[in-house]
Amino acid sequence: MSLFAAGRRGAGLLLHPSSLPSGQLGSDVYRWLDFLEQAGFSVWQMLPLGVPLGGLSPYQCASAFAVNPALFPDATQSTRTTAGFDLWYEAQRHWVDDYALFMVAKQQQGGACWVEWPQPLRLREASALIRFRQAHASVIQAIVEQQYRVYLQWQTIRGYATERGISLFGDMPIFVAHDSADVWAHPERFLLDERGMPTLVAGVPPDYFSITGQRWGNPHYNWAVMEAEGFRWWCERLHYHFEWFDLVRVDHFRGLAASWMIPAENETAINGYWQSVPGDALLQILQQEMGEIPLVAEDLGMITPDVTALRKKYHLPGMAVLQFAFDAHVDNPHKPENVGQDIVYYTGTHDNDTTLGWFTALPADIQHQVMQQLGIADAGQVCDAMQEAVLASAAALAMLPLQDVLRLGSEARLNTPGTVAGNWTWRLQWDAIDSALASDLLADLNKYGRT
């Protein structure tokens, strides 16, 4: 049964694997899945599982395909590959060989970006690649086999979740990092100059939250090349994601309708421009290959009618966040009364402060407005009321960050956009969740007909 079938009322928790007590997908993950089952949830959502380039952010990774072995406690152990390795390798060699080669070369070059490598490697001259593979064959092979081992470990986790009626909800950044195996291996798929540097980079224009916009720095796609290839890279990327997840969120979905193009020499996003991209053609290809596309469109921010039309054309659910609901605009799409069935509804996301931290930081007059809209008189009831509003809504899927369920403050915030220090480090403590909490949550879900 689809998570968004007519009449379906699902519920889930948002917790990245690095926020488990050990920070890894060892025994902790099975205890976590047991808790989800006891509490009545049918969905576990997480952030991207990729290999962070530097720091801990899962949104700037070395590959659009590879999974971070640091999340798996046994990934570094050398084990004999099974008979299934050959089948997996044949299906994944289109990316895994380049990824392994990229990681070894990057290590050999002291971590330097690929544009700074010696020219033969930077330009992927055939003879240079042959020599490099021969010189580092065992290390390259070990990285390939490591990716297979984490895949196998995840399939065990996925099977355990499926047995308990829990769907796994992943996350896919729409753009990739410049210093990644994908860009190095196929520079023709990106807008780069003769040195390999981006000519135009991604971001979003100035808005209410930032007078200079956001300059992310990711290279833009060469959509003409992508389309001429039949969007092969995109299809391969999505197919591999669906070997890991039942549902995938496309971060910055509006970038499949039009992208904000920032000249690379600009230090801010102010002087960019919108350019249409063939997202409709891409989604059409995916639909032809897969039928129903189990994607969620992250359509937060300044969304134009063409973005909503694209989402609805392919029957993709969008997102709403209750923390964004408290203004005087009756048509605000984040207000509970405006949330429809084709929405995944959150109290907050990984980029928001926790609900308690957010409310505590509001000016007194805005706190009063929030309480009025929630219909409560006691500030201590805000977290409960926010959770109930999301669960009571018409949304097909209600998602609660675990920090909100635990009523934690700003000390538990996972990420503050535009900053580097202190992000991605919060971890759950097992004594914070127990059978009593599971029973309370199960009662809440039953009250609103959610599973």
Protein backbone atom coordinates (compact mmCIF):
# COMPACT_ATOMS: atom_id res chain seq x y z
CA MET A 1 0.00 0.00 0.00
CA SER A 2 1.39 3.40 -0.98
CA LEU A 3 2.29 5.80 1.81
CA PHE A 4 0.05 8.29 0.02
CA ALA A 5 -2.86 6.08 -0.95
CA ALA A 6 -6.30 7.64 -0.58
CA GLY A 7 -7.33 7.64 3.06
CA ARG A 8 -3.89 6.67 4.35
CA ARG A 9 -2.86 8.48 7.53
CA GLY A 10 0.74 7.71 8.33
CA ALA A 11 3.15 9.02 10.91
CA GLY A 12 6.89 8.87 11.38
CA LEU A 13 9.90 10.16 13.25
CA LEU A 14 12.84 12.10 11.82
CA LEU A 15 16.23 11.03 13.18
CA HIS A 16 19.49 10.86 11.26
CA PRO A 17 21.59 7.72 11.93
CA SER A 18 24.47 9.86 13.20
CA SER A 19 22.12 11.01 15.98
CA LEU A 20 21.75 7.49 17.36
CA PRO A 21 23.65 7.13 20.67
CA SER A 22 26.64 5.45 19.03
CA GLY A 23 26.44 7.60 15.91
CA GLN A 24 26.37 4.38 13.91
CA LEU A 25 24.03 1.79 12.44
CA GLY A 26 25.05 -1.06 14.72
CA SER A 27 22.91 -2.54 17.48
CA ASP A 28 21.42 0.92 18.11
CA VAL A 29 19.42 0.81 14.90
CA TYR A 30 17.54 -2.33 15.89
CA ARG A 31 16.65 -0.87 19.27
CA TRP A 32 15.49 2.29 17.47
CA LEU A 33 13.31 0.34 15.03
CA ASP A 34 11.82 -1.61 17.94
CA PHE A 35 10.88 1.70 19.58
CA LEU A 36 9.26 2.95 16.38
CA GLU A 37 7.18 -0.21 16.21
CA GLN A 38 6.15 0.01 19.87
CA ALA A 39 5.13 3.65 19.44
CA GLY A 40 3.03 2.84 16.37
CA PHE A 41 5.05 4.72 13.75
CA SER A 42 5.29 3.40 10.20
CA VAL A 43 8.02 5.69 8.83
CA TRP A 44 11.62 6.46 9.77
CA GLN A 45 13.03 9.51 7.99
CA MET A 46 16.73 10.37 7.82
CA LEU A 47 19.08 12.75 6.01
CA PRO A 48 21.38 11.78 3.11
CA LEU A 49 23.74 8.87 3.86
CA GLY A 50 26.57 10.11 1.63
CA VAL A 51 30.29 10.51 2.39
CA PRO A 52 30.86 14.05 3.77
CA LEU A 53 33.67 15.90 2.01
CA GLY A 54 34.81 17.78 5.07
CA GLY A 55 33.10 18.31 8.37
CA LEU A 56 29.90 16.39 9.03
CA SER A 57 27.32 17.84 6.64
CA PRO A 58 25.50 15.09 4.72
CA TYR A 59 24.59 17.64 2.03
CA GLN A 60 28.10 18.13 0.60
CA CYS A 61 29.37 14.68 -0.30
CA ALA A 62 32.08 12.99 -2.34
CA SER A 63 29.57 11.05 -4.44
CA ALA A 64 25.90 11.12 -5.38
CA PHE A 65 25.84 7.33 -4.92
CA ALA A 66 28.36 6.21 -2.29
CA VAL A 67 27.28 5.71 1.32
CA ASN A 68 29.32 6.83 4.30
CA PRO A 69 31.08 3.74 5.71
CA ALA A 70 31.65 5.58 9.01
CA LEU A 71 27.95 5.02 9.74
CA PHE A 72 28.51 1.26 9.76
CA PRO A 73 30.57 -0.25 12.60
CA ASP A 74 31.79 -3.23 10.57
CA ALA A 75 32.40 -1.47 7.26
CA THR A 76 36.15 -1.18 7.72
CA GLN A 77 36.65 -4.85 8.44
CA SER A 78 38.00 -6.84 5.53
CA THR A 79 35.72 -9.77 4.78
CA ARG A 80 35.40 -12.11 1.86
CA THR A 81 32.85 -10.90 -0.62
CA THR A 82 29.92 -13.18 -1.30
CA ALA A 83 28.68 -14.58 -4.56
CA GLY A 84 26.30 -11.63 -4.74
CA PHE A 85 29.15 -9.17 -5.09
CA ASP A 86 29.54 -9.81 -8.81
CA LEU A 87 25.87 -9.03 -9.47
CA TRP A 88 25.98 -5.88 -7.34
CA TYR A 89 29.25 -4.74 -8.91
CA GLU A 90 28.00 -5.22 -12.45
CA ALA A 91 24.95 -3.10 -11.65
CA GLN A 92 26.94 -0.38 -9.85
CA ARG A 93 30.25 -0.22 -11.69
CA HIS A 94 29.01 2.85 -13.60
CA TRP A 95 29.75 4.85 -10.43
CA VAL A 96 31.65 2.75 -7.91
CA ASP A 97 34.89 2.40 -9.93
CA ASP A 98 35.14 6.15 -10.43
CA TYR A 99 34.27 6.78 -6.79
CA ALA A 100 36.98 4.42 -5.50
CA LEU A 101 39.55 5.89 -7.87
CA PHE A 102 38.53 9.42 -6.86
CA MET A 103 38.87 8.70 -3.14
CA VAL A 104 42.30 7.11 -3.50
CA ALA A 105 43.56 9.91 -5.77
CA LYS A 106 42.21 12.52 -3.36
CA GLN A 107 44.03 10.85 -0.48
CA GLN A 108 47.23 10.67 -2.54
CA GLN A 109 46.92 14.39 -3.28
CA GLY A 110 46.58 15.34 0.37
CA GLY A 111 42.85 15.95 0.15
CA ALA A 112 43.16 18.59 -2.58
CA CYS A 113 40.18 19.32 -4.83
CA TRP A 114 40.41 17.40 -8.11
CA VAL A 115 40.99 20.58 -10.11
CA GLU A 116 44.34 20.89 -8.31
CA TRP A 117 45.55 17.38 -9.17
CA PRO A 118 48.31 16.80 -11.72
CA GLN A 119 46.92 17.34 -15.20
CA PRO A 120 46.96 13.69 -16.33
CA LEU A 121 44.76 12.70 -13.37
CA ARG A 122 42.69 15.86 -13.44
CA LEU A 123 41.86 15.35 -17.11
CA ARG A 124 41.49 11.58 -16.71
CA GLU A 125 44.02 10.76 -19.41
CA ALA A 126 43.59 7.06 -20.22
CA SER A 127 47.22 6.06 -19.74
CA ALA A 128 47.43 7.92 -16.42
CA LEU A 129 44.28 6.21 -15.11
CA ILE A 130 45.62 2.79 -16.12
CA ARG A 131 48.90 3.41 -14.30
CA PHE A 132 47.12 4.76 -11.22
CA ARG A 133 44.76 1.78 -11.06
CA GLN A 134 47.66 -0.63 -11.33
CA ALA A 135 49.68 1.16 -8.66
CA HIS A 136 46.78 1.29 -6.19
CA ALA A 137 44.75 -1.73 -7.22
CA SER A 138 44.31 -3.25 -3.76
CA VAL A 139 43.22 0.00 -2.08
CA ILE A 140 40.80 0.80 -4.91
CA GLN A 141 39.31 -2.69 -4.72
CA ALA A 142 38.96 -2.42 -0.95
CA ILE A 143 36.86 0.74 -1.31
CA VAL A 144 34.62 -0.93 -3.88
CA GLU A 145 34.12 -3.94 -1.61
CA GLN A 146 33.47 -1.65 1.35
CA GLN A 147 30.55 -0.07 -0.52
CA TYR A 148 29.18 -3.55 -1.14
CA ARG A 149 29.47 -4.44 2.56
CA VAL A 150 27.55 -1.35 3.68
CA TYR A 151 24.91 -2.16 1.07
CA LEU A 152 24.54 -5.66 2.51
CA GLN A 153 24.37 -4.37 6.07
CA TRP A 154 21.69 -1.90 5.07
CA GLN A 155 19.62 -4.60 3.40
CA THR A 156 19.58 -6.44 6.73
CA ILE A 157 18.41 -3.25 8.46
CA ARG A 158 15.79 -2.66 5.77
CA GLY A 159 14.51 -6.20 6.13
CA TYR A 160 14.20 -5.75 9.89
CA ALA A 161 12.24 -2.52 9.35
CA THR A 162 9.96 -4.10 6.75
CA GLU A 163 9.12 -6.97 9.10
CA ARG A 164 7.91 -4.36 11.58
CA GLY A 165 5.86 -2.41 9.07
CA ILE A 166 8.29 0.50 8.97
CA SER A 167 9.12 2.29 5.71
CA LEU A 168 12.50 3.96 5.29
CA PHE A 169 12.37 7.58 4.09
CA GLY A 170 15.61 8.92 2.59
CA ASP A 171 16.81 12.27 1.34
CA MET A 172 18.52 13.25 -1.92
CA PRO A 173 20.17 16.65 -2.44
CA ILE A 174 19.24 17.95 -5.87
CA PHE A 175 22.78 19.27 -6.52
CA VAL A 176 26.14 17.56 -6.04
CA ALA A 177 29.39 18.92 -4.67
CA HIS A 178 31.94 20.28 -7.14
CA ASP A 179 34.72 18.27 -5.49
CA SER A 180 32.97 14.96 -6.11
CA ALA A 181 33.56 11.81 -8.10
CA ASP A 182 30.52 12.63 -10.25
CA VAL A 183 31.90 15.96 -11.48
CA TRP A 184 35.47 14.69 -11.89
CA ALA A 185 34.36 11.60 -13.83
CA HIS A 186 31.87 13.40 -16.08
CA PRO A 187 32.66 17.12 -16.27
CA GLU A 188 30.63 17.35 -19.48
CA ARG A 189 27.47 16.94 -17.38
CA PHE A 190 28.16 20.20 -15.52
CA LEU A 191 28.70 23.85 -16.40
CA LEU A 192 32.47 24.15 -15.98
CA ASP A 193 35.24 26.17 -17.59
CA GLU A 194 38.40 24.73 -19.18
CA ARG A 195 40.05 24.48 -15.73
CA GLY A 196 37.15 22.43 -14.38
CA MET A 197 35.80 25.28 -12.25
CA PRO A 198 32.06 26.06 -12.20
CA THR A 199 30.97 28.96 -14.36
CA LEU A 200 27.59 29.20 -12.62
CA VAL A 201 26.77 27.96 -9.14
CA ALA A 202 23.57 27.07 -7.30
CA GLY A 203 21.75 28.91 -4.55
CA VAL A 204 18.58 30.89 -3.91
CA PRO A 205 17.84 34.59 -4.34
CA PRO A 206 17.45 37.16 -1.56
CA ASP A 207 14.30 36.73 0.50
CA TYR A 208 12.77 37.50 3.87
CA PHE A 209 15.42 35.41 5.63
CA SER A 210 18.54 36.74 3.84
CA ILE A 211 19.08 40.05 2.05
CA THR A 212 21.94 38.51 0.05
CA GLY A 213 20.27 35.16 -0.66
CA GLN A 214 22.17 31.90 -0.31
CA ARG A 215 25.17 30.99 -2.45
CA TRP A 216 25.65 27.22 -2.08
CA GLY A 217 28.44 26.93 -4.63
CA ASN A 218 27.39 23.64 -6.24
CA PRO A 219 27.97 23.50 -9.99
CA HIS A 220 24.89 23.63 -12.18
CA TYR A 221 24.01 20.77 -14.47
CA ASN A 222 24.56 20.91 -18.20
CA TRP A 223 20.96 19.93 -18.84
CA ALA A 224 21.47 19.72 -22.59
CA VAL A 225 23.97 16.90 -22.06
CA MET A 226 21.80 15.26 -19.40
CA GLU A 227 18.79 15.27 -21.69
CA ALA A 228 20.80 14.00 -24.69
CA GLU A 229 21.85 11.04 -22.52
CA GLY A 230 18.22 10.29 -21.70
CA PHE A 231 18.85 11.47 -18.13
CA ARG A 232 20.80 8.25 -17.57
CA TRP A 233 22.74 9.59 -14.56
CA TRP A 234 19.52 10.71 -12.86
CA CYS A 235 17.80 7.39 -13.50
CA GLU A 236 20.78 5.47 -12.14
CA ARG A 237 20.92 7.73 -9.10
CA LEU A 238 17.22 7.30 -8.30
CA HIS A 239 17.27 3.56 -8.91
CA TYR A 240 20.10 3.14 -6.40
CA HIS A 241 18.32 5.32 -3.84
CA PHE A 242 15.29 3.06 -4.11
CA GLU A 243 17.44 0.05 -3.30
CA TRP A 244 17.97 1.75 0.05
CA PHE A 245 14.69 3.54 0.71
CA ASP A 246 10.94 3.16 0.24
CA LEU A 247 10.48 6.90 -0.13
CA VAL A 248 12.94 9.68 -1.05
CA ARG A 249 12.71 13.43 -0.45
CA VAL A 250 14.14 15.58 -3.27
CA ASP A 251 15.80 18.51 -1.55
CA HIS A 252 15.14 21.86 -3.31
CA PHE A 253 12.59 20.35 -5.69
CA ARG A 254 11.93 23.77 -7.23
CA GLY A 255 15.31 23.32 -8.93
CA LEU A 256 13.62 20.85 -11.29
CA ALA A 257 11.40 23.65 -12.60
CA ALA A 258 13.95 26.46 -12.65
CA SER A 259 17.30 27.06 -10.97
CA TRP A 260 18.86 30.24 -9.60
CA MET A 261 22.01 30.73 -11.66
CA ILE A 262 24.73 32.67 -9.85
CA PRO A 263 27.86 33.68 -11.79
CA ALA A 264 30.68 31.86 -10.01
CA GLU A 265 32.73 35.03 -9.51
CA ASN A 266 29.92 36.57 -7.41
CA GLU A 267 30.35 36.24 -3.65
CA THR A 268 26.62 36.48 -2.93
CA ALA A 269 23.45 35.24 -4.60
CA ILE A 270 22.09 38.71 -5.31
CA ASN A 271 22.94 38.94 -9.01
CA GLY A 272 21.66 35.57 -10.13
CA TYR A 273 18.83 34.78 -12.50
CA TRP A 274 16.22 32.07 -12.94
CA GLN A 275 16.68 29.58 -15.75
CA SER A 276 14.20 26.89 -16.69
CA VAL A 277 15.36 23.28 -16.60
CA PRO A 278 13.82 20.15 -18.19
CA GLY A 279 12.52 18.67 -14.95
CA ASP A 280 9.24 17.76 -16.63
CA ALA A 281 11.08 15.64 -19.21
CA LEU A 282 13.17 14.03 -16.45
CA LEU A 283 10.14 13.11 -14.33
CA GLN A 284 8.39 11.77 -17.41
CA ILE A 285 11.32 9.40 -18.06
CA LEU A 286 11.31 8.30 -14.43
CA GLN A 287 7.57 7.69 -14.52
CA GLN A 288 7.92 5.61 -17.68
CA GLU A 289 10.60 3.49 -16.01
CA MET A 290 9.06 3.18 -12.56
CA GLY A 291 5.35 3.87 -12.79
CA GLU A 292 4.60 5.55 -9.49
CA ILE A 293 7.61 7.63 -8.40
CA PRO A 294 7.99 7.38 -4.61
CA LEU A 295 9.38 10.89 -4.21
CA VAL A 296 8.51 13.75 -1.87
CA ALA A 297 9.07 17.25 -3.23
CA GLU A 298 10.78 19.57 -0.75
CA ASP A 299 8.92 22.66 -1.90
CA LEU A 300 9.56 25.05 0.96
CA GLY A 301 10.41 28.71 0.45
CA MET A 302 9.32 30.96 -2.41
CA ILE A 303 7.36 28.56 -4.60
CA THR A 304 5.93 29.72 -7.91
CA PRO A 305 2.89 28.17 -9.62
CA ASP A 306 5.02 26.28 -12.15
CA VAL A 307 6.73 24.36 -9.32
CA THR A 308 3.42 23.33 -7.79
CA ALA A 309 2.08 22.37 -11.22
CA LEU A 310 5.12 20.15 -11.85
CA ARG A 311 4.72 18.48 -8.47
CA LYS A 312 1.03 17.82 -8.97
CA LYS A 313 1.44 16.60 -12.55
CA TYR A 314 3.49 13.67 -11.25
CA HIS A 315 1.39 13.21 -8.09
CA LEU A 316 4.28 14.02 -5.78
CA PRO A 317 3.47 15.06 -2.22
CA GLY A 318 4.91 18.35 -1.02
CA MET A 319 5.93 19.60 2.42
CA ALA A 320 4.62 21.97 5.06
CA VAL A 321 6.18 23.04 8.36
CA LEU A 322 4.05 24.17 11.29
CA GLN A 323 6.73 26.54 12.61
CA PHE A 324 6.14 28.61 9.44
CA ALA A 325 2.38 28.89 10.03
CA PHE A 326 2.13 31.77 12.46
CA ASP A 327 1.43 34.89 10.48
CA ALA A 328 -1.64 36.87 9.51
CA HIS A 329 -1.95 35.43 5.99
CA VAL A 330 -5.00 33.18 5.75
CA ASP A 331 -3.59 31.47 2.63
CA ASN A 332 -0.32 30.49 4.32
CA PRO A 333 0.18 26.88 3.10
CA HIS A 334 1.76 25.88 6.42
CA LYS A 335 -1.36 26.57 8.49
CA PRO A 336 -3.06 23.31 9.56
CA GLU A 337 -6.34 24.26 7.89
CA ASN A 338 -4.56 24.71 4.54
CA VAL A 339 -2.66 21.42 4.60
CA GLY A 340 -4.10 18.87 2.18
CA GLN A 341 -3.78 15.12 1.86
CA ASP A 342 -0.87 15.38 -0.59
CA ILE A 343 1.46 16.86 2.03
CA VAL A 344 4.10 15.62 4.45
CA TYR A 345 3.57 17.81 7.52
CA TYR A 346 6.30 18.60 10.06
CA THR A 347 6.49 20.50 13.31
CA GLY A 348 10.01 21.50 12.17
CA THR A 349 12.81 20.11 10.01
CA HIS A 350 16.51 19.38 10.53
CA ASP A 351 17.24 22.99 9.53
CA ASN A 352 14.85 24.49 12.10
CA ASP A 353 15.49 25.03 15.77
CA THR A 354 13.60 22.54 17.91
CA THR A 355 10.01 23.58 18.56
CA LEU A 356 10.81 24.41 22.19
CA GLY A 357 13.94 26.35 21.22
CA TRP A 358 12.07 28.17 18.44
CA PHE A 359 9.19 29.19 20.71
CA THR A 360 11.44 30.24 23.58
CA ALA A 361 13.39 32.59 21.28
CA LEU A 362 10.28 34.36 19.95
CA PRO A 363 9.39 37.87 21.16
CA ALA A 364 6.61 37.89 23.76
CA ASP A 365 4.02 39.30 21.35
CA ILE A 366 4.73 36.58 18.76
CA GLN A 367 4.60 33.91 21.48
CA HIS A 368 1.14 35.20 22.37
CA GLN A 369 0.10 35.05 18.70
CA VAL A 370 1.35 31.45 18.43
CA MET A 371 -0.60 30.44 21.52
CA GLN A 372 -3.72 32.15 20.22
CA GLN A 373 -3.53 30.29 16.92
CA LEU A 374 -2.94 27.02 18.73
CA GLY A 375 -5.85 27.69 21.07
CA ILE A 376 -3.88 27.36 24.31
CA ALA A 377 -3.36 29.61 27.32
CA ASP A 378 -0.29 27.99 28.86
CA ALA A 379 3.12 28.39 27.19
CA GLY A 380 4.08 25.01 28.61
CA GLN A 381 1.53 23.39 26.27
CA VAL A 382 3.09 24.63 23.04
CA CYS A 383 5.03 21.47 22.15
CA ASP A 384 2.02 19.26 22.87
CA ALA A 385 -0.28 21.53 20.86
CA MET A 386 2.12 21.69 17.89
CA GLN A 387 2.42 17.91 17.80
CA GLU A 388 -1.35 17.48 18.01
CA ALA A 389 -1.93 20.03 15.23
CA VAL A 390 0.33 18.08 12.87
CA LEU A 391 -1.17 14.71 13.78
CA ALA A 392 -4.73 16.04 13.51
CA SER A 393 -4.17 17.58 10.07
CA ALA A 394 -5.35 16.17 6.75
CA ALA A 395 -1.77 15.41 5.69
CA ALA A 396 -1.23 11.85 4.49
CA LEU A 397 2.01 11.72 6.45
CA ALA A 398 2.82 13.51 9.72
CA MET A 399 6.53 13.68 10.57
CA LEU A 400 7.94 14.61 13.97
CA PRO A 401 11.62 15.32 14.64
CA LEU A 402 12.58 13.21 17.64
CA GLN A 403 13.90 16.31 19.42
CA ASP A 404 10.37 17.74 19.34
CA VAL A 405 8.85 14.53 20.64
CA LEU A 406 11.33 14.69 23.53
CA ARG A 407 10.53 18.39 24.14
CA LEU A 408 14.19 19.36 23.86
CA GLY A 409 15.48 22.92 23.55
CA SER A 410 18.00 24.60 21.27
CA GLU A 411 20.83 22.49 22.68
CA ALA A 412 19.40 19.64 20.58
CA ARG A 413 19.22 21.59 17.31
CA LEU A 414 20.83 19.58 14.53
CA ASN A 415 21.74 22.27 11.99
CA THR A 416 21.72 26.04 11.63
CA PRO A 417 21.88 26.94 7.91
CA GLY A 418 24.66 29.34 6.98
CA THR A 419 26.87 28.27 9.88
CA VAL A 420 29.58 25.61 10.21
CA ALA A 421 30.44 25.11 13.87
CA GLY A 422 28.33 22.92 16.12
CA ASN A 423 26.12 21.31 13.49
CA TRP A 424 25.24 17.63 13.00
CA THR A 425 26.51 16.61 16.45
CA TRP A 426 23.39 16.05 18.58
CA ARG A 427 22.84 12.49 19.75
CA LEU A 428 19.98 10.68 21.40
CA GLN A 429 20.46 9.22 24.87
CA TRP A 430 18.64 5.94 25.36
CA ASP A 431 17.30 6.92 28.77
CA ALA A 432 15.23 9.62 27.01
CA ILE A 433 12.96 7.05 25.38
CA ASP A 434 11.21 4.19 27.12
CA SER A 435 8.07 2.09 27.04
CA ALA A 436 6.04 4.83 28.74
CA LEU A 437 6.90 7.28 25.96
CA ALA A 438 6.09 4.63 23.37
CA SER A 439 2.67 4.07 24.97
CA ASP A 440 1.93 7.79 25.07
CA LEU A 441 2.87 8.21 21.41
CA LEU A 442 0.83 5.18 20.39
CA ALA A 443 -2.19 6.69 22.14
CA ASP A 444 -1.64 9.99 20.28
CA LEU A 445 -1.42 8.22 16.92
CA ASN A 446 -4.54 6.15 17.65
CA LYS A 447 -6.40 9.31 18.66
CA TYR A 448 -5.85 10.79 15.21
CA GLY A 449 -6.13 7.56 13.23
CA ARG A 450 -2.45 7.45 12.28
CA THR A 451 -0.03 4.55 11.99
